[in-house]
Amino acid sequence: MPLEQSLKSALRDKVSTANKSNVEAVTEEVSAVLATLPADDKDHARVQGWLEDLATVRGGGVPGKF
């Protein structure tokens, strides 16, 4: 079942404002949501991408920058 719009918006906001001081907490929250989604859910790929962005932040980078 797809994510509720309010939850999706809240998570997207947290991911987009994540920094080194809160990236671990945001990653845990996003991972918990990902665990509830079946692999064929349309939001699964989106949430997986957010985890990749958070890994970039954790490494000191900026998502979308090369």
C-alpha atoms as a PDB file:
ATOM      1  CA  MET A   1       0.000   0.000   0.000  1.00  0.00           C
ATOM      2  CA  PRO A   2       1.463   3.393  -0.945  1.00  0.00           C
ATOM      3  CA  LEU A   3       2.527   5.805   1.758  1.00  0.00           C
ATOM      4  CA  GLU A   4       0.070   8.389   2.994  1.00  0.00           C
ATOM      5  CA  GLN A   5       0.780  11.787   1.468  1.00  0.00           C
ATOM      6  CA  SER A   6       1.326  13.406   4.874  1.00  0.00           C
ATOM      7  CA  LEU A   7       3.908  10.791   5.903  1.00  0.00           C
ATOM      8  CA  LYS A   8       5.635  11.007   2.526  1.00  0.00           C
ATOM      9  CA  SER A   9       5.836  14.806   2.779  1.00  0.00           C
ATOM     10  CA  ALA A  10       7.164  14.699   6.335  1.00  0.00           C
ATOM     11  CA  LEU A  11       9.847  12.174   5.431  1.00  0.00           C
ATOM     12  CA  ARG A  12      10.832  14.077   2.295  1.00  0.00           C
ATOM     13  CA  ASP A  13      11.242  17.250   4.366  1.00  0.00           C
ATOM     14  CA  LYS A  14      13.412  15.436   6.921  1.00  0.00           C
ATOM     15  CA  VAL A  15      15.578  13.903   4.201  1.00  0.00           C
ATOM     16  CA  SER A  16      16.027  17.209   2.396  1.00  0.00           C
ATOM     17  CA  THR A  17      17.100  19.007   5.579  1.00  0.00           C
ATOM     18  CA  ALA A  18      19.238  16.185   7.007  1.00  0.00           C
ATOM     19  CA  ASN A  19      22.729  17.081   8.140  1.00  0.00           C
ATOM     20  CA  LYS A  20      25.562  15.333   9.943  1.00  0.00           C
ATOM     21  CA  SER A  21      23.994  15.959  13.353  1.00  0.00           C
ATOM     22  CA  ASN A  22      20.668  14.243  12.586  1.00  0.00           C
ATOM     23  CA  VAL A  23      21.380  11.958   9.614  1.00  0.00           C
ATOM     24  CA  GLU A  24      21.449   8.788  11.730  1.00  0.00           C
ATOM     25  CA  ALA A  25      18.015   9.435  13.263  1.00  0.00           C
ATOM     26  CA  VAL A  26      16.510  10.309   9.882  1.00  0.00           C
ATOM     27  CA  THR A  27      18.074   7.184   8.344  1.00  0.00           C
ATOM     28  CA  GLU A  28      16.547   5.006  11.054  1.00  0.00           C
ATOM     29  CA  GLU A  29      13.116   6.537  10.486  1.00  0.00           C
ATOM     30  CA  VAL A  30      13.297   6.147   6.702  1.00  0.00           C
ATOM     31  CA  SER A  31      14.597   2.569   7.044  1.00  0.00           C
ATOM     32  CA  ALA A  32      11.673   1.697   9.314  1.00  0.00           C
ATOM     33  CA  VAL A  33       9.220   2.992   6.712  1.00  0.00           C
ATOM     34  CA  LEU A  34      11.023   1.135   3.922  1.00  0.00           C
ATOM     35  CA  ALA A  35      10.692  -2.107   5.884  1.00  0.00           C
ATOM     36  CA  THR A  36       6.894  -1.744   5.774  1.00  0.00           C
ATOM     37  CA  LEU A  37       6.734  -1.378   1.991  1.00  0.00           C
ATOM     38  CA  PRO A  38       6.597  -4.341  -0.388  1.00  0.00           C
ATOM     39  CA  ALA A  39       9.359  -4.339  -3.022  1.00  0.00           C
ATOM     40  CA  ASP A  40       6.843  -3.777  -5.835  1.00  0.00           C
ATOM     41  CA  ASP A  41       5.263  -0.714  -4.176  1.00  0.00           C
ATOM     42  CA  LYS A  42       5.713   2.480  -6.155  1.00  0.00           C
ATOM     43  CA  ASP A  43       7.037   4.270  -3.061  1.00  0.00           C
ATOM     44  CA  HIS A  44       9.664   1.591  -2.337  1.00  0.00           C
ATOM     45  CA  ALA A  45      12.064   2.930  -4.985  1.00  0.00           C
ATOM     46  CA  ARG A  46      11.506   6.513  -3.827  1.00  0.00           C
ATOM     47  CA  VAL A  47      12.265   5.688  -0.191  1.00  0.00           C
ATOM     48  CA  GLN A  48      15.297   3.618  -1.250  1.00  0.00           C
ATOM     49  CA  GLY A  49      16.570   6.681  -3.108  1.00  0.00           C
ATOM     50  CA  TRP A  50      16.158   8.748   0.043  1.00  0.00           C
ATOM     51  CA  LEU A  51      18.367   6.268   1.888  1.00  0.00           C
ATOM     52  CA  GLU A  52      21.004   6.703  -0.805  1.00  0.00           C
ATOM     53  CA  ASP A  53      20.796  10.477  -0.384  1.00  0.00           C
ATOM     54  CA  LEU A  54      21.179  10.076   3.372  1.00  0.00           C
ATOM     55  CA  ALA A  55      24.263   7.893   2.852  1.00  0.00           C
ATOM     56  CA  THR A  56      25.742  10.746   0.814  1.00  0.00           C
ATOM     57  CA  VAL A  57      25.015  13.195   3.639  1.00  0.00           C
ATOM     58  CA  ARG A  58      26.547  10.789   6.157  1.00  0.00           C
ATOM     59  CA  GLY A  59      29.693  10.706   4.030  1.00  0.00           C
ATOM     60  CA  GLY A  60      29.924  14.505   4.070  1.00  0.00           C
ATOM     61  CA  GLY A  61      28.574  15.029   0.573  1.00  0.00           C
ATOM     62  CA  VAL A  62      25.597  16.850  -0.834  1.00  0.00           C
ATOM     63  CA  PRO A  63      22.982  14.750  -2.668  1.00  0.00           C
ATOM     64  CA  GLY A  64      22.810  15.602  -6.355  1.00  0.00           C
ATOM     65  CA  LYS A  65      26.289  17.164  -6.411  1.00  0.00           C
ATOM     66  CA  PHE A  66      29.194  15.436  -8.101  1.00  0.00           C
END
